[in-house]
Amino acid sequence: MSQRRAELIQRFRRTGLGSIAAALLEGFSPLAPLGAQGLFLLQPLFGGGETWQAVAQALEDPQQLDDLAADLRGGAQHGQH
């Protein structure tokens, strides 16, 4: 896992939104590739950043999407990552 992705996951967990973000990722997974393209397009507005690029790349790959959701939940559902 990249450092930027780990920071993003920790940020969501600290705010108590990790499970909610994971549920949204899983619920909207059919739209994930579209979301990834949107993030790539809007990345300059977010200040560029490797964090958003890592998220966009995760949205493009179903396995990475599952791993990201599991990491946001704390690894409880799919095992520790």
Protein backbone atom coordinates (compact mmCIF):
# COMPACT_ATOMS: atom_id res chain seq x y z
CA MET A 1 0.00 0.00 0.00
CA SER A 2 1.32 3.42 -0.88
CA GLN A 3 2.06 5.96 1.82
CA ARG A 4 -0.51 8.39 0.40
CA ARG A 5 -3.23 5.74 0.35
CA ALA A 6 -2.38 4.75 3.94
CA GLU A 7 -2.67 8.41 4.99
CA LEU A 8 -6.07 8.72 3.33
CA ILE A 9 -7.30 5.55 5.03
CA GLN A 10 -6.07 6.77 8.41
CA ARG A 11 -7.79 10.12 7.85
CA PHE A 12 -11.12 8.40 7.18
CA ARG A 13 -10.70 6.10 10.18
CA ARG A 14 -9.81 8.97 12.53
CA THR A 15 -12.96 10.83 11.56
CA GLY A 16 -15.05 7.69 12.01
CA LEU A 17 -16.01 7.62 8.33
CA GLY A 18 -14.04 4.52 7.31
CA SER A 19 -17.02 2.14 7.37
CA ILE A 20 -19.26 4.65 5.60
CA ALA A 21 -16.66 5.25 2.88
CA ALA A 22 -16.21 1.48 2.49
CA ALA A 23 -19.97 0.97 2.16
CA LEU A 24 -20.18 3.70 -0.47
CA LEU A 25 -17.29 2.17 -2.41
CA GLU A 26 -18.95 -1.22 -2.36
CA GLY A 27 -22.41 0.12 -3.14
CA PHE A 28 -21.30 2.23 -6.05
CA SER A 29 -18.69 -0.22 -7.36
CA PRO A 30 -20.41 -0.51 -10.78
CA LEU A 31 -19.79 3.23 -11.20
CA ALA A 32 -16.21 3.10 -9.91
CA PRO A 33 -14.51 3.35 -13.35
CA LEU A 34 -16.55 6.48 -14.08
CA GLY A 35 -15.59 7.90 -10.70
CA ALA A 36 -11.93 7.16 -11.43
CA GLN A 37 -12.10 9.12 -14.67
CA GLY A 38 -13.77 11.98 -12.82
CA LEU A 39 -10.99 12.03 -10.24
CA PHE A 40 -8.34 12.03 -12.96
CA LEU A 41 -10.13 14.94 -14.63
CA LEU A 42 -10.64 16.93 -11.41
CA GLN A 43 -7.26 16.10 -9.89
CA PRO A 44 -5.84 19.59 -10.59
CA LEU A 45 -8.69 21.10 -8.54
CA PHE A 46 -7.78 18.84 -5.61
CA GLY A 47 -4.24 20.14 -5.77
CA GLY A 48 -2.92 17.30 -7.92
CA GLY A 49 -1.51 15.00 -5.33
CA GLU A 50 -0.59 11.38 -5.29
CA THR A 51 -3.37 10.58 -2.82
CA TRP A 52 -6.18 11.24 -5.26
CA GLN A 53 -4.28 9.51 -8.04
CA ALA A 54 -3.94 6.41 -5.84
CA VAL A 55 -7.68 6.48 -5.12
CA ALA A 56 -8.50 6.88 -8.83
CA GLN A 57 -6.25 3.96 -9.71
CA ALA A 58 -7.91 1.85 -7.01
CA LEU A 59 -11.32 2.68 -8.46
CA GLU A 60 -10.25 1.37 -11.86
CA ASP A 61 -9.24 -2.06 -10.54
CA PRO A 62 -11.94 -4.23 -8.89
CA GLN A 63 -9.41 -6.04 -6.67
CA GLN A 64 -7.87 -2.76 -5.50
CA LEU A 65 -11.37 -1.42 -4.88
CA ASP A 66 -12.16 -4.42 -2.65
CA ASP A 67 -8.83 -4.01 -0.86
CA LEU A 68 -9.43 -0.29 -0.30
CA ALA A 69 -12.90 -0.97 1.13
CA ALA A 70 -11.45 -3.66 3.42
CA ASP A 71 -8.68 -1.30 4.54
CA LEU A 72 -11.23 1.43 5.29
CA ARG A 73 -13.20 -1.03 7.41
CA GLY A 74 -10.04 -1.90 9.28
CA GLY A 75 -9.47 -5.22 7.54
CA ALA A 76 -12.28 -6.86 9.49
CA GLN A 77 -14.28 -8.07 6.51
CA HIS A 78 -11.61 -9.35 4.13
CA GLY A 79 -8.66 -9.96 6.43
CA GLN A 80 -5.83 -7.60 7.31
CA HIS A 81 -3.97 -5.84 4.48
